Amino acid sequence: MSRRSLFRFLGWCLAFIVLMWRLTCRYRVVNDVRPSLRAKGQPYVYALLHAHQIGAALLNDEKRMCAMVSRSKGGELLAPGLRLRHVTPVRGSTRRGTAEKGGRAALQVLQEHVMKNIPAVLAVDGPLGPRGKVHRGIVDLCCATGAVILPASIHVSRSLVLRNTWDHLQIPMPFSTIELRLGAPIAVTSASEDSVKHTRAQLAETLAALESTPA
């Protein structure tokens, strides 16, 4: 068995474990603005911090969604679990704000999905941080598709936080409550450098506020 096949097999094993794990948790959404967006046919893209990816995948209540997933071994492990949660993994990543390692092609695929009104989700400070710094990929995606940015933060009643990782990855514990908090949608009006810079700063501020708001 090749190393790639091994990671794929381990990914499916992990996916079924996580599926059973998910059944033990409770879920709720705060400030759910999505029904009004759906009623208007307005496409949207979730923006969240890299640390919240696991909780977001467990909570996902969309019938269909897509997400950029790294081409690394870690991405190979995550992809099967995302598929079981109705999330289409689009393989690629960006590095330090530039379209490397398939990032440009992945954004193009995400764009095609979003234009069909399939929501996308991006960890806007990934894959290498710094934590909380919003890279421009989500702004480019929304500008190209007419989608709005939907700021999202995951709060977990009991979690394991990996403090030694750059993102402080949050792993929900079994039998915890996972809460999705949504901010007001952010419209992307221009692809100019000033507009992109302003939107990134606005999104970073919104995500920080959502994450720090007490339950």
C-alpha atoms as a PDB file:
ATOM      1  CA  MET A   1       0.000   0.000   0.000  1.00  0.00           C
ATOM      2  CA  SER A   2       1.391   3.412  -0.964  1.00  0.00           C
ATOM      3  CA  ARG A   3       1.776   6.124   1.639  1.00  0.00           C
ATOM      4  CA  ARG A   4      -0.993   8.153  -0.040  1.00  0.00           C
ATOM      5  CA  SER A   5      -3.356   5.167   0.045  1.00  0.00           C
ATOM      6  CA  LEU A   6      -2.487   4.562   3.690  1.00  0.00           C
ATOM      7  CA  PHE A   7      -3.369   8.124   4.641  1.00  0.00           C
ATOM      8  CA  ARG A   8      -6.588   7.866   2.654  1.00  0.00           C
ATOM      9  CA  PHE A   9      -7.523   4.670   4.516  1.00  0.00           C
ATOM     10  CA  LEU A  10      -6.659   6.243   7.875  1.00  0.00           C
ATOM     11  CA  GLY A  11      -8.694   9.287   6.885  1.00  0.00           C
ATOM     12  CA  TRP A  12     -11.816   7.176   6.362  1.00  0.00           C
ATOM     13  CA  CYS A  13     -11.258   5.410   9.690  1.00  0.00           C
ATOM     14  CA  LEU A  14     -10.946   8.794  11.378  1.00  0.00           C
ATOM     15  CA  ALA A  15     -14.041  10.033   9.560  1.00  0.00           C
ATOM     16  CA  PHE A  16     -16.256   7.271  10.971  1.00  0.00           C
ATOM     17  CA  ILE A  17     -14.869   7.836  14.475  1.00  0.00           C
ATOM     18  CA  VAL A  18     -15.651  11.551  14.175  1.00  0.00           C
ATOM     19  CA  LEU A  19     -19.135  10.747  12.863  1.00  0.00           C
ATOM     20  CA  MET A  20     -19.862   8.720  16.001  1.00  0.00           C
ATOM     21  CA  TRP A  21     -18.250  11.465  18.086  1.00  0.00           C
ATOM     22  CA  ARG A  22     -20.557  14.048  16.484  1.00  0.00           C
ATOM     23  CA  LEU A  23     -23.654  12.171  17.623  1.00  0.00           C
ATOM     24  CA  THR A  24     -22.735  12.843  21.259  1.00  0.00           C
ATOM     25  CA  CYS A  25     -22.662  16.639  20.844  1.00  0.00           C
ATOM     26  CA  ARG A  26     -25.338  19.314  20.855  1.00  0.00           C
ATOM     27  CA  TYR A  27     -25.480  22.179  18.355  1.00  0.00           C
ATOM     28  CA  ARG A  28     -26.943  25.664  18.101  1.00  0.00           C
ATOM     29  CA  VAL A  29     -26.637  28.734  15.882  1.00  0.00           C
ATOM     30  CA  VAL A  30     -26.627  32.336  17.139  1.00  0.00           C
ATOM     31  CA  ASN A  31     -27.718  35.244  14.898  1.00  0.00           C
ATOM     32  CA  ASP A  32     -28.618  33.026  11.959  1.00  0.00           C
ATOM     33  CA  VAL A  33     -28.824  35.435   9.028  1.00  0.00           C
ATOM     34  CA  ARG A  34     -28.699  32.673   6.421  1.00  0.00           C
ATOM     35  CA  PRO A  35     -32.471  32.262   5.805  1.00  0.00           C
ATOM     36  CA  SER A  36     -32.743  35.855   4.558  1.00  0.00           C
ATOM     37  CA  LEU A  37     -29.675  35.415   2.324  1.00  0.00           C
ATOM     38  CA  ARG A  38     -31.081  32.188   0.882  1.00  0.00           C
ATOM     39  CA  ALA A  39     -34.483  33.799   0.281  1.00  0.00           C
ATOM     40  CA  LYS A  40     -32.795  36.519  -1.799  1.00  0.00           C
ATOM     41  CA  GLY A  41     -30.609  34.025  -3.659  1.00  0.00           C
ATOM     42  CA  GLN A  42     -27.533  35.764  -2.249  1.00  0.00           C
ATOM     43  CA  PRO A  43     -24.447  33.509  -2.297  1.00  0.00           C
ATOM     44  CA  TYR A  44     -22.223  33.607   0.766  1.00  0.00           C
ATOM     45  CA  VAL A  45     -18.837  32.367   1.923  1.00  0.00           C
ATOM     46  CA  TYR A  46     -18.114  31.488   5.545  1.00  0.00           C
ATOM     47  CA  ALA A  47     -15.000  33.103   7.003  1.00  0.00           C
ATOM     48  CA  LEU A  48     -13.579  31.498  10.119  1.00  0.00           C
ATOM     49  CA  LEU A  49     -10.301  31.132  11.942  1.00  0.00           C
ATOM     50  CA  HIS A  50      -8.095  28.118  11.271  1.00  0.00           C
ATOM     51  CA  ALA A  51      -8.477  27.063  14.917  1.00  0.00           C
ATOM     52  CA  HIS A  52     -12.220  26.520  14.490  1.00  0.00           C
ATOM     53  CA  GLN A  53     -12.192  24.149  11.521  1.00  0.00           C
ATOM     54  CA  ILE A  54     -12.955  20.931  13.397  1.00  0.00           C
ATOM     55  CA  GLY A  55     -15.908  22.395  15.263  1.00  0.00           C
ATOM     56  CA  ALA A  56     -17.256  23.918  12.053  1.00  0.00           C
ATOM     57  CA  ALA A  57     -17.091  20.569  10.244  1.00  0.00           C
ATOM     58  CA  LEU A  58     -18.894  18.821  13.099  1.00  0.00           C
ATOM     59  CA  LEU A  59     -21.643  21.446  13.251  1.00  0.00           C
ATOM     60  CA  ASN A  60     -22.171  21.936   9.526  1.00  0.00           C
ATOM     61  CA  ASP A  61     -25.906  21.997   8.747  1.00  0.00           C
ATOM     62  CA  GLU A  62     -25.664  22.925   5.059  1.00  0.00           C
ATOM     63  CA  LYS A  63     -26.976  20.383   2.577  1.00  0.00           C
ATOM     64  CA  ARG A  64     -23.962  21.092   0.378  1.00  0.00           C
ATOM     65  CA  MET A  65     -20.800  23.059   0.985  1.00  0.00           C
ATOM     66  CA  CYS A  66     -17.216  23.229  -0.255  1.00  0.00           C
ATOM     67  CA  ALA A  67     -13.959  24.005   1.497  1.00  0.00           C
ATOM     68  CA  MET A  68     -10.309  24.474   0.577  1.00  0.00           C
ATOM     69  CA  VAL A  69      -8.233  21.655   2.058  1.00  0.00           C
ATOM     70  CA  SER A  70      -4.461  21.397   2.068  1.00  0.00           C
ATOM     71  CA  ARG A  71      -2.706  18.999  -0.313  1.00  0.00           C
ATOM     72  CA  SER A  72      -0.625  17.846   2.628  1.00  0.00           C
ATOM     73  CA  LYS A  73      -0.918  14.534   4.502  1.00  0.00           C
ATOM     74  CA  GLY A  74      -3.079  16.321   7.039  1.00  0.00           C
ATOM     75  CA  GLY A  75      -5.461  17.309   4.266  1.00  0.00           C
ATOM     76  CA  GLU A  76      -5.596  13.677   3.137  1.00  0.00           C
ATOM     77  CA  LEU A  77      -6.735  12.718   6.639  1.00  0.00           C
ATOM     78  CA  LEU A  78      -9.366  15.460   6.807  1.00  0.00           C
ATOM     79  CA  ALA A  79     -10.956  15.022   3.379  1.00  0.00           C
ATOM     80  CA  PRO A  80     -13.037  11.850   4.078  1.00  0.00           C
ATOM     81  CA  GLY A  81     -14.534  13.348   7.234  1.00  0.00           C
ATOM     82  CA  LEU A  82     -15.545  16.465   5.326  1.00  0.00           C
ATOM     83  CA  ARG A  83     -17.266  14.370   2.669  1.00  0.00           C
ATOM     84  CA  LEU A  84     -19.305  12.600   5.354  1.00  0.00           C
ATOM     85  CA  ARG A  85     -20.398  16.051   6.576  1.00  0.00           C
ATOM     86  CA  HIS A  86     -21.616  17.093   3.072  1.00  0.00           C
ATOM     87  CA  VAL A  87     -18.523  19.222   2.434  1.00  0.00           C
ATOM     88  CA  THR A  88     -16.712  18.880  -0.897  1.00  0.00           C
ATOM     89  CA  PRO A  89     -12.956  19.215  -0.247  1.00  0.00           C
ATOM     90  CA  VAL A  90     -11.144  21.324  -2.839  1.00  0.00           C
ATOM     91  CA  ARG A  91      -7.463  20.456  -2.624  1.00  0.00           C
ATOM     92  CA  GLY A  92      -4.983  23.287  -2.535  1.00  0.00           C
ATOM     93  CA  SER A  93      -3.635  25.895  -0.155  1.00  0.00           C
ATOM     94  CA  THR A  94      -2.169  29.347  -0.038  1.00  0.00           C
ATOM     95  CA  ARG A  95       1.115  30.202   1.632  1.00  0.00           C
ATOM     96  CA  ARG A  96       1.739  33.593   3.205  1.00  0.00           C
ATOM     97  CA  GLY A  97      -0.990  35.237   1.135  1.00  0.00           C
ATOM     98  CA  THR A  98       0.224  34.033  -2.255  1.00  0.00           C
ATOM     99  CA  ALA A  99      -1.385  31.520  -4.585  1.00  0.00           C
ATOM    100  CA  GLU A 100       0.992  28.606  -4.173  1.00  0.00           C
ATOM    101  CA  LYS A 101       0.591  24.832  -3.803  1.00  0.00           C
ATOM    102  CA  GLY A 102      -2.563  24.812  -5.968  1.00  0.00           C
ATOM    103  CA  GLY A 103      -4.189  27.762  -4.226  1.00  0.00           C
ATOM    104  CA  ARG A 104      -5.039  29.636  -7.424  1.00  0.00           C
ATOM    105  CA  ALA A 105      -6.636  26.575  -9.059  1.00  0.00           C
ATOM    106  CA  ALA A 106      -8.505  25.745  -5.834  1.00  0.00           C
ATOM    107  CA  LEU A 107      -9.944  29.258  -5.643  1.00  0.00           C
ATOM    108  CA  GLN A 108     -11.165  28.857  -9.212  1.00  0.00           C
ATOM    109  CA  VAL A 109     -12.982  25.628  -8.295  1.00  0.00           C
ATOM    110  CA  LEU A 110     -14.473  27.280  -5.206  1.00  0.00           C
ATOM    111  CA  GLN A 111     -15.616  30.130  -7.422  1.00  0.00           C
ATOM    112  CA  GLU A 112     -17.496  27.701  -9.675  1.00  0.00           C
ATOM    113  CA  HIS A 113     -19.274  26.188  -6.668  1.00  0.00           C
ATOM    114  CA  VAL A 114     -20.209  29.540  -5.138  1.00  0.00           C
ATOM    115  CA  MET A 115     -21.651  30.767  -8.437  1.00  0.00           C
ATOM    116  CA  LYS A 116     -24.014  27.772  -8.226  1.00  0.00           C
ATOM    117  CA  ASN A 117     -25.121  29.035  -4.792  1.00  0.00           C
ATOM    118  CA  ILE A 118     -23.145  26.357  -2.950  1.00  0.00           C
ATOM    119  CA  PRO A 119     -21.621  27.992   0.143  1.00  0.00           C
ATOM    120  CA  ALA A 120     -17.875  27.802   0.623  1.00  0.00           C
ATOM    121  CA  VAL A 121     -15.866  28.011   3.821  1.00  0.00           C
ATOM    122  CA  LEU A 122     -12.363  29.412   4.173  1.00  0.00           C
ATOM    123  CA  ALA A 123     -10.017  29.446   7.146  1.00  0.00           C
ATOM    124  CA  VAL A 124      -8.961  33.001   6.456  1.00  0.00           C
ATOM    125  CA  ASP A 125      -5.758  33.009   8.542  1.00  0.00           C
ATOM    126  CA  GLY A 126      -4.479  29.650   7.290  1.00  0.00           C
ATOM    127  CA  PRO A 127      -2.504  27.638   6.600  1.00  0.00           C
ATOM    128  CA  LEU A 128       0.439  29.202   8.437  1.00  0.00           C
ATOM    129  CA  GLY A 129      -0.978  32.294  10.115  1.00  0.00           C
ATOM    130  CA  PRO A 130      -0.288  34.546  11.825  1.00  0.00           C
ATOM    131  CA  ARG A 131      -3.363  33.768  13.895  1.00  0.00           C
ATOM    132  CA  GLY A 132      -6.190  36.182  13.153  1.00  0.00           C
ATOM    133  CA  LYS A 133      -4.539  37.773  10.118  1.00  0.00           C
ATOM    134  CA  VAL A 134      -6.969  37.630   7.202  1.00  0.00           C
ATOM    135  CA  HIS A 135      -5.412  36.714   3.859  1.00  0.00           C
ATOM    136  CA  ARG A 136      -6.940  38.111   0.703  1.00  0.00           C
ATOM    137  CA  GLY A 137      -8.231  34.876  -0.872  1.00  0.00           C
ATOM    138  CA  ILE A 138     -11.752  35.236   0.524  1.00  0.00           C
ATOM    139  CA  VAL A 139     -11.987  38.822  -0.718  1.00  0.00           C
ATOM    140  CA  ASP A 140     -10.936  37.768  -4.232  1.00  0.00           C
ATOM    141  CA  LEU A 141     -13.429  34.874  -4.163  1.00  0.00           C
ATOM    142  CA  CYS A 142     -16.352  37.072  -3.122  1.00  0.00           C
ATOM    143  CA  CYS A 143     -15.428  39.834  -5.549  1.00  0.00           C
ATOM    144  CA  ALA A 144     -15.413  37.331  -8.433  1.00  0.00           C
ATOM    145  CA  THR A 145     -18.736  35.704  -7.486  1.00  0.00           C
ATOM    146  CA  GLY A 146     -20.813  38.491  -5.943  1.00  0.00           C
ATOM    147  CA  ALA A 147     -20.967  36.531  -2.698  1.00  0.00           C
ATOM    148  CA  VAL A 148     -20.968  38.198   0.687  1.00  0.00           C
ATOM    149  CA  ILE A 149     -18.563  37.248   3.445  1.00  0.00           C
ATOM    150  CA  LEU A 150     -20.289  35.597   6.403  1.00  0.00           C
ATOM    151  CA  PRO A 151     -18.066  35.933   9.506  1.00  0.00           C
ATOM    152  CA  ALA A 152     -18.317  32.808  11.673  1.00  0.00           C
ATOM    153  CA  SER A 153     -16.927  31.751  15.032  1.00  0.00           C
ATOM    154  CA  ILE A 154     -17.194  28.392  16.785  1.00  0.00           C
ATOM    155  CA  HIS A 155     -17.618  28.221  20.558  1.00  0.00           C
ATOM    156  CA  VAL A 156     -17.450  24.913  22.386  1.00  0.00           C
ATOM    157  CA  SER A 157     -18.566  24.241  25.963  1.00  0.00           C
ATOM    158  CA  ARG A 158     -15.728  21.749  26.507  1.00  0.00           C
ATOM    159  CA  SER A 159     -12.719  21.526  24.232  1.00  0.00           C
ATOM    160  CA  LEU A 160      -9.072  20.612  24.035  1.00  0.00           C
ATOM    161  CA  VAL A 161      -7.045  23.606  22.848  1.00  0.00           C
ATOM    162  CA  LEU A 162      -3.602  22.854  21.414  1.00  0.00           C
ATOM    163  CA  ARG A 163      -1.693  25.827  22.820  1.00  0.00           C
ATOM    164  CA  ASN A 164       1.581  24.717  21.227  1.00  0.00           C
ATOM    165  CA  THR A 165       0.200  25.165  17.691  1.00  0.00           C
ATOM    166  CA  TRP A 166       0.270  28.521  15.887  1.00  0.00           C
ATOM    167  CA  ASP A 167      -3.534  28.634  15.592  1.00  0.00           C
ATOM    168  CA  HIS A 168      -4.407  27.213  19.056  1.00  0.00           C
ATOM    169  CA  LEU A 169      -6.442  24.499  17.366  1.00  0.00           C
ATOM    170  CA  GLN A 170      -9.719  23.802  19.162  1.00  0.00           C
ATOM    171  CA  ILE A 171     -10.889  20.182  19.385  1.00  0.00           C
ATOM    172  CA  PRO A 172     -14.452  19.756  20.712  1.00  0.00           C
ATOM    173  CA  MET A 173     -14.813  17.092  23.388  1.00  0.00           C
ATOM    174  CA  PRO A 174     -17.524  14.427  23.223  1.00  0.00           C
ATOM    175  CA  PHE A 175     -20.834  15.438  24.853  1.00  0.00           C
ATOM    176  CA  SER A 176     -20.038  19.140  24.472  1.00  0.00           C
ATOM    177  CA  THR A 177     -22.230  21.883  23.016  1.00  0.00           C
ATOM    178  CA  ILE A 178     -20.933  23.424  19.793  1.00  0.00           C
ATOM    179  CA  GLU A 179     -22.221  26.886  18.972  1.00  0.00           C
ATOM    180  CA  LEU A 180     -21.924  28.717  15.656  1.00  0.00           C
ATOM    181  CA  ARG A 181     -21.961  32.489  16.012  1.00  0.00           C
ATOM    182  CA  LEU A 182     -22.498  34.497  12.835  1.00  0.00           C
ATOM    183  CA  GLY A 183     -21.706  38.139  12.252  1.00  0.00           C
ATOM    184  CA  ALA A 184     -23.361  40.574   9.874  1.00  0.00           C
ATOM    185  CA  PRO A 185     -22.605  39.800   6.208  1.00  0.00           C
ATOM    186  CA  ILE A 186     -19.819  41.861   4.663  1.00  0.00           C
ATOM    187  CA  ALA A 187     -20.260  42.942   1.037  1.00  0.00           C
ATOM    188  CA  VAL A 188     -17.193  43.142  -1.186  1.00  0.00           C
ATOM    189  CA  THR A 189     -17.658  46.172  -3.402  1.00  0.00           C
ATOM    190  CA  SER A 190     -14.328  46.502  -5.187  1.00  0.00           C
ATOM    191  CA  ALA A 191     -11.113  44.668  -6.002  1.00  0.00           C
ATOM    192  CA  SER A 192      -8.990  47.777  -5.565  1.00  0.00           C
ATOM    193  CA  GLU A 193      -6.082  47.497  -3.151  1.00  0.00           C
ATOM    194  CA  ASP A 194      -7.616  50.014  -0.746  1.00  0.00           C
ATOM    195  CA  SER A 195     -10.950  48.169  -0.732  1.00  0.00           C
ATOM    196  CA  VAL A 196      -9.293  44.769  -0.244  1.00  0.00           C
ATOM    197  CA  LYS A 197      -7.189  46.121   2.625  1.00  0.00           C
ATOM    198  CA  HIS A 198     -10.249  47.666   4.289  1.00  0.00           C
ATOM    199  CA  THR A 199     -12.326  44.488   3.921  1.00  0.00           C
ATOM    200  CA  ARG A 200      -9.567  42.314   5.377  1.00  0.00           C
ATOM    201  CA  ALA A 201      -9.208  44.623   8.357  1.00  0.00           C
ATOM    202  CA  GLN A 202     -12.984  44.745   8.881  1.00  0.00           C
ATOM    203  CA  LEU A 203     -13.244  40.963   8.752  1.00  0.00           C
ATOM    204  CA  ALA A 204     -10.324  40.462  11.147  1.00  0.00           C
ATOM    205  CA  GLU A 205     -11.935  42.858  13.623  1.00  0.00           C
ATOM    206  CA  THR A 206     -15.314  41.127  13.321  1.00  0.00           C
ATOM    207  CA  LEU A 207     -13.853  37.644  13.837  1.00  0.00           C
ATOM    208  CA  ALA A 208     -11.890  38.803  16.878  1.00  0.00           C
ATOM    209  CA  ALA A 209     -15.057  40.309  18.366  1.00  0.00           C
ATOM    210  CA  LEU A 210     -17.095  37.147  17.691  1.00  0.00           C
ATOM    211  CA  GLU A 211     -14.434  34.937  19.247  1.00  0.00           C
ATOM    212  CA  SER A 212     -14.067  37.083  22.372  1.00  0.00           C
ATOM    213  CA  THR A 213     -17.797  37.550  23.045  1.00  0.00           C
ATOM    214  CA  PRO A 214     -18.743  35.558  26.166  1.00  0.00           C
ATOM    215  CA  ALA A 215     -21.501  32.959  25.971  1.00  0.00           C
END
